[in-house]
Amino acid sequence: AGIGTHTITYTATDANGCEGQILFDVVVNAAIQPQILNENLVFCEDQTPVLMEVYPDGGVLDGNGISELYFYPAIAGIGTHTITYTVTDANGCEGQVAEKLIINDNPLVDLGPDQTIALEDSVILHLTNIACSFLWYNGSTGDNCTILASELGVGVFNIWAMATNDASCSSLDTMILTIDNLNTISRKTNFSDAYIYPNPVRDIFYLELHEYDRIEKISLYGATGKLYLNYKPSTFPYFDISYLSPGIYLLKIKTNTQTVVLRVIKL
C-alpha cells in the first residue's frame, strides 16, 4: 500500500440479494530508521569513553560497555561487540539498528625498574614487541636503545619508550635513570672485602662483603650489557643463577662505602 492514507471498502451481499458497503481509511506511517553516525568503530582497549552519535534522539542504546550514550572500551574488553540503538516514534512504530565495534589490545611496554649508574657506565634497554613500531625518548626507533651516561651527564632522567601496533594502539613506559658523578663513586681494585664463591659457578654462588657494608643496590649484567637482576634477592647472600646461560656476567654492588664490580663465570 505504501506510506500515506488509503481508503478501503468492504462489501457484503446477504441471502436476499441486499448489498451493503463500508468505507474506511487506513493510515500507513513511515518506518523509523535509526542510525549510529560514528564513522570510526575501531578502538583501543585503554581508549577514553566515546560518545556514540545517534539519530534520532530519544532512543535506547544497548550493548556491552554501553552506559547511556557512551561506549567504554575498557569495560567492553578486547574483541568484537555488537551494540543496538532502538527508537519508538510517536505513532508506536519501532526501528532498530546494530553496529559491530572492534576493541584492539595495547602493546606491552616494560623498561624494567629504575636504575642508578655511574657516569662511565652504559645501559641497553630492550623492547620485545616485534610486531610494533617504536619511539624512544631520544627519537630513535629501534627495538633497543643504548644509553651512554657520559652523553646525558650527571642527574636524574626520565627515559621513556612508546610502542605502536598495527591497530594504531600505543603504550608508553618510563624508567627513572639516575647518573652519579664519577668522583663520588669509590671503586676498589682490591676485592678482599667483597668476593663471591664458588667462581666459576654452576647454579648458586655466595656473596661476602665487609661487615660494615650496607647494600644499597645490586645489579647483574650480561656481557652485552643486558640487565638480568636489579634488586637484592630474598635468598641473599646466596644468588641462584641456574636460569642463565653459560658465560661471563658482571655483578655490580653499591654499598654505603663503595661500589664494586665482580666478574661471575657461569658454567
Protein backbone atom coordinates (compact mmCIF):
# COMPACT_ATOMS: atom_id res chain seq x y z
CA ALA A 1 0.00 0.00 0.00
CA GLY A 2 2.84 2.37 0.78
CA ILE A 3 3.10 5.34 3.08
CA GLY A 4 0.00 7.51 3.34
CA THR A 5 -3.76 7.28 3.84
CA HIS A 6 -5.57 4.54 1.96
CA THR A 7 -9.34 4.09 1.64
CA ILE A 8 -10.53 0.52 1.64
CA THR A 9 -14.05 -0.80 1.23
CA TYR A 10 -15.85 -3.85 2.50
CA THR A 11 -18.89 -5.03 0.59
CA ALA A 12 -21.28 -7.78 1.68
CA THR A 13 -24.39 -9.26 -0.02
CA ASP A 14 -26.89 -11.21 2.03
CA ALA A 15 -29.18 -14.12 1.02
CA ASN A 16 -31.88 -11.72 -0.14
CA GLY A 17 -29.53 -10.02 -2.58
CA CYS A 18 -29.21 -6.93 -0.44
CA GLU A 19 -25.80 -5.35 -0.62
CA GLY A 20 -24.07 -3.23 1.96
CA GLN A 21 -20.75 -1.47 1.84
CA ILE A 22 -18.48 0.36 4.26
CA LEU A 23 -15.51 2.57 3.52
CA PHE A 24 -12.77 3.42 5.98
CA ASP A 25 -9.32 4.95 5.90
CA VAL A 26 -6.12 3.17 6.86
CA VAL A 27 -3.01 5.24 7.64
CA VAL A 28 0.43 3.74 6.93
CA ASN A 29 3.21 5.59 8.74
CA ALA A 30 6.81 5.66 7.56
CA ALA A 31 9.01 3.10 9.29
CA ILE A 32 11.52 4.81 11.59
CA GLN A 33 15.18 4.34 10.52
CA PRO A 34 17.52 4.99 13.47
CA GLN A 35 21.22 5.44 12.77
CA ILE A 36 24.54 5.26 14.59
CA LEU A 37 26.55 8.02 12.98
CA ASN A 38 30.09 7.36 14.29
CA GLU A 39 32.40 6.63 11.37
CA ASN A 40 35.21 5.08 13.41
CA LEU A 41 34.07 1.91 15.16
CA VAL A 42 37.52 0.50 15.95
CA PHE A 43 39.04 1.38 19.34
CA CYS A 44 41.98 0.59 21.61
CA GLU A 45 41.40 -1.11 24.95
CA ASP A 46 42.62 1.87 27.00
CA GLN A 47 40.74 4.50 24.98
CA THR A 48 38.65 7.03 26.87
CA PRO A 49 34.84 6.68 26.74
CA VAL A 50 33.40 7.51 23.31
CA LEU A 51 30.14 9.40 22.77
CA MET A 52 28.03 7.43 20.30
CA GLU A 53 26.27 9.79 17.89
CA VAL A 54 22.73 8.54 17.20
CA TYR A 55 19.74 9.66 15.17
CA PRO A 56 17.04 10.46 16.03
CA ASP A 57 17.29 11.37 19.69
CA GLY A 58 15.26 9.70 22.36
CA GLY A 59 16.10 6.05 21.71
CA VAL A 60 17.85 3.40 23.79
CA LEU A 61 21.47 2.40 23.16
CA ASP A 62 22.33 -1.06 24.43
CA GLY A 63 25.30 -3.42 24.42
CA ASN A 64 28.43 -4.48 26.29
CA GLY A 65 30.35 -1.43 27.52
CA ILE A 66 27.42 0.96 26.95
CA SER A 67 26.35 3.46 29.60
CA GLU A 68 23.64 5.83 28.38
CA LEU A 69 25.12 7.15 25.11
CA TYR A 70 28.78 6.41 25.94
CA PHE A 71 30.81 3.36 24.96
CA TYR A 72 33.58 2.31 27.38
CA PRO A 73 36.22 0.21 25.53
CA ALA A 74 37.99 -0.76 28.76
CA ILE A 75 34.75 -2.23 30.16
CA ALA A 76 33.77 -4.00 26.95
CA GLY A 77 37.21 -5.63 26.65
CA ILE A 78 39.24 -6.84 23.68
CA GLY A 79 37.22 -8.35 20.85
CA THR A 80 34.16 -7.63 18.68
CA HIS A 81 30.99 -6.28 20.31
CA THR A 82 27.54 -5.60 18.85
CA ILE A 83 25.57 -2.59 20.07
CA THR A 84 21.98 -1.67 19.13
CA TYR A 85 20.05 1.57 19.03
CA THR A 86 16.27 1.27 19.28
CA VAL A 87 13.78 4.13 18.74
CA THR A 88 9.98 4.17 19.12
CA ASP A 89 8.22 7.14 17.49
CA ALA A 90 5.01 8.93 18.47
CA ASN A 91 2.97 6.52 16.36
CA GLY A 92 4.33 3.49 18.20
CA CYS A 93 6.49 2.39 15.28
CA GLU A 94 9.79 0.89 16.36
CA GLY A 95 13.10 0.84 14.49
CA GLN A 96 16.44 -0.64 15.41
CA VAL A 97 19.99 -0.52 14.03
CA ALA A 98 23.00 -2.65 15.05
CA GLU A 99 26.73 -1.96 14.65
CA LYS A 100 29.82 -4.02 15.41
CA LEU A 101 32.59 -2.37 17.45
CA ILE A 102 36.12 -3.76 17.48
CA ILE A 103 38.43 -3.37 20.50
CA ASN A 104 42.15 -3.97 19.90
CA ASP A 105 44.70 -4.59 22.63
CA ASN A 106 47.52 -2.23 23.53
CA PRO A 107 51.11 -3.49 23.26
CA LEU A 108 53.01 -4.28 26.45
CA VAL A 109 55.92 -1.91 27.15
CA ASP A 110 58.17 -2.55 30.16
CA LEU A 111 61.53 -0.85 30.62
CA GLY A 112 62.08 -2.54 33.97
CA PRO A 113 62.81 -0.91 37.33
CA ASP A 114 64.51 2.43 37.84
CA GLN A 115 68.30 2.34 37.70
CA THR A 116 71.29 4.19 39.09
CA ILE A 117 74.57 4.05 37.16
CA ALA A 118 77.94 5.77 37.20
CA LEU A 119 78.97 8.41 34.71
CA GLU A 120 81.20 5.98 32.82
CA ASP A 121 78.54 3.27 32.57
CA SER A 122 76.01 2.45 29.86
CA VAL A 123 72.61 0.78 29.78
CA ILE A 124 70.99 -1.22 26.97
CA LEU A 125 67.20 -1.35 27.11
CA HIS A 126 65.21 -3.84 25.05
CA LEU A 127 61.59 -4.00 23.86
CA THR A 128 60.21 -7.35 22.77
CA ASN A 129 57.05 -6.41 20.81
CA ILE A 130 58.46 -7.32 17.42
CA ALA A 131 55.20 -6.52 15.57
CA CYS A 132 55.27 -2.91 16.76
CA SER A 133 56.94 0.31 15.77
CA PHE A 134 58.93 2.06 18.49
CA LEU A 135 59.81 5.58 19.55
CA TRP A 136 62.35 6.35 22.28
CA TYR A 137 62.94 9.46 24.36
CA ASN A 138 65.87 10.43 22.11
CA GLY A 139 63.97 9.99 18.83
CA SER A 140 65.42 6.58 17.93
CA THR A 141 63.04 3.96 16.53
CA GLY A 142 64.71 0.56 17.03
CA ASP A 143 63.63 -2.21 19.38
CA ASN A 144 66.54 -1.46 21.71
CA CYS A 145 68.30 1.66 22.93
CA THR A 146 71.83 2.10 24.25
CA ILE A 147 72.17 4.89 26.80
CA LEU A 148 75.65 6.29 27.43
CA ALA A 149 75.72 8.01 30.79
CA SER A 150 78.53 10.29 29.64
CA GLU A 151 76.27 11.75 26.95
CA LEU A 152 73.49 12.59 29.39
CA GLY A 153 75.68 13.79 32.23
CA VAL A 154 75.04 13.74 35.96
CA GLY A 155 71.40 13.97 37.00
CA VAL A 156 68.03 12.24 37.04
CA PHE A 157 66.42 11.48 33.67
CA ASN A 158 63.03 10.22 32.51
CA ILE A 159 63.80 7.50 29.96
CA TRP A 160 60.65 6.57 28.04
CA ALA A 161 59.69 4.35 25.13
CA MET A 162 56.42 4.03 23.20
CA ALA A 163 55.29 1.05 21.13
CA THR A 164 52.54 1.23 18.49
CA ASN A 165 51.00 -1.90 16.99
CA ASP A 166 49.36 -2.49 13.61
CA ALA A 167 45.98 -1.41 15.02
CA SER A 168 47.50 2.02 15.91
CA CYS A 169 47.17 1.25 19.63
CA SER A 170 50.06 2.60 21.69
CA SER A 171 51.56 2.13 25.14
CA LEU A 172 54.33 4.06 26.90
CA ASP A 173 56.57 3.23 29.85
CA THR A 174 59.00 5.42 31.74
CA MET A 175 62.10 4.46 33.68
CA ILE A 176 63.93 6.86 36.01
CA LEU A 177 67.66 6.78 35.31
CA THR A 178 69.95 8.35 37.91
CA ILE A 179 73.53 9.07 36.85
CA ASP A 180 76.09 9.57 39.64
CA ASN A 181 79.15 11.74 39.39
CA LEU A 182 82.21 9.56 38.77
CA ASN A 183 84.10 11.39 41.53
CA THR A 184 81.55 10.34 44.14
CA ILE A 185 81.99 6.63 43.46
CA SER A 186 84.79 4.78 45.13
CA ARG A 187 85.86 1.71 43.19
CA LYS A 188 88.15 -0.74 44.90
CA THR A 189 90.79 -2.63 42.99
CA ASN A 190 91.38 -4.87 45.99
CA PHE A 191 88.29 -7.01 46.37
CA SER A 192 89.41 -8.69 49.62
CA ASP A 193 86.32 -7.25 51.33
CA ALA A 194 83.92 -8.26 48.55
CA TYR A 195 84.09 -11.58 46.76
CA ILE A 196 81.96 -14.46 45.56
CA TYR A 197 82.41 -18.19 45.73
CA PRO A 198 82.40 -20.59 44.12
CA ASN A 199 83.52 -18.86 40.95
CA PRO A 200 83.17 -20.30 38.31
CA VAL A 201 79.66 -21.28 39.39
CA ARG A 202 77.07 -23.69 38.04
CA ASP A 203 73.90 -22.75 39.90
CA ILE A 204 74.34 -20.85 43.19
CA PHE A 205 77.07 -18.56 44.48
CA TYR A 206 77.61 -16.76 47.78
CA LEU A 207 78.49 -13.07 48.10
CA GLU A 208 80.56 -11.91 51.04
CA LEU A 209 81.03 -8.25 51.94
CA HIS A 210 82.79 -6.30 54.65
CA GLU A 211 80.82 -6.49 57.88
CA TYR A 212 80.26 -2.71 57.84
CA ASP A 213 78.92 -2.59 54.29
CA ARG A 214 75.21 -1.93 53.91
CA ILE A 215 73.87 -2.80 50.47
CA GLU A 216 72.06 -0.06 48.57
CA LYS A 217 71.81 -1.68 45.14
CA ILE A 218 72.75 -4.92 43.39
CA SER A 219 72.68 -5.43 39.62
CA LEU A 220 73.70 -8.36 37.42
CA TYR A 221 74.58 -7.66 33.78
CA GLY A 222 75.43 -9.88 30.85
CA ALA A 223 78.50 -9.35 28.70
CA THR A 224 76.42 -7.28 26.25
CA GLY A 225 75.05 -5.02 28.97
CA LYS A 226 71.67 -6.75 29.33
CA LEU A 227 70.28 -6.38 32.84
CA TYR A 228 69.26 -9.68 34.49
CA LEU A 229 68.91 -8.62 38.14
CA ASN A 230 68.27 -5.22 39.68
CA TYR A 231 67.37 -5.98 43.29
CA LYS A 232 68.66 -7.84 46.33
CA PRO A 233 67.23 -11.38 46.12
CA SER A 234 65.26 -12.83 49.01
CA THR A 235 67.90 -15.56 49.30
CA PHE A 236 70.72 -13.03 49.86
CA PRO A 237 73.66 -13.56 50.34
CA TYR A 238 73.03 -16.56 48.07
CA PHE A 239 72.30 -15.98 44.37
CA ASP A 240 70.61 -18.59 42.17
CA ILE A 241 71.69 -18.12 38.53
CA SER A 242 70.77 -21.59 37.31
CA TYR A 243 68.40 -20.00 34.76
CA LEU A 244 71.23 -18.14 32.99
CA SER A 245 73.18 -19.44 30.00
CA PRO A 246 76.90 -20.19 30.42
CA GLY A 247 79.05 -17.12 30.02
CA ILE A 248 80.59 -14.13 31.78
CA TYR A 249 78.43 -11.80 33.89
CA LEU A 250 79.14 -8.68 35.93
CA LEU A 251 77.78 -8.28 39.46
CA LYS A 252 77.67 -4.63 40.47
CA ILE A 253 77.29 -3.98 44.21
CA LYS A 254 76.74 -0.50 45.61
CA THR A 255 77.03 -0.12 49.38
CA ASN A 256 77.23 2.79 51.77
CA THR A 257 81.04 2.75 51.45
CA GLN A 258 81.92 1.54 47.96
CA THR A 259 80.84 0.38 44.54
CA VAL A 260 82.34 -2.91 43.45
CA VAL A 261 82.06 -4.81 40.17
CA LEU A 262 82.80 -8.53 40.29
CA ARG A 263 83.10 -10.90 37.35
CA VAL A 264 80.95 -14.05 37.57
CA ILE A 265 81.75 -17.02 35.34
CA LYS A 266 78.70 -19.23 34.74
CA LEU A 267 79.43 -22.81 33.69
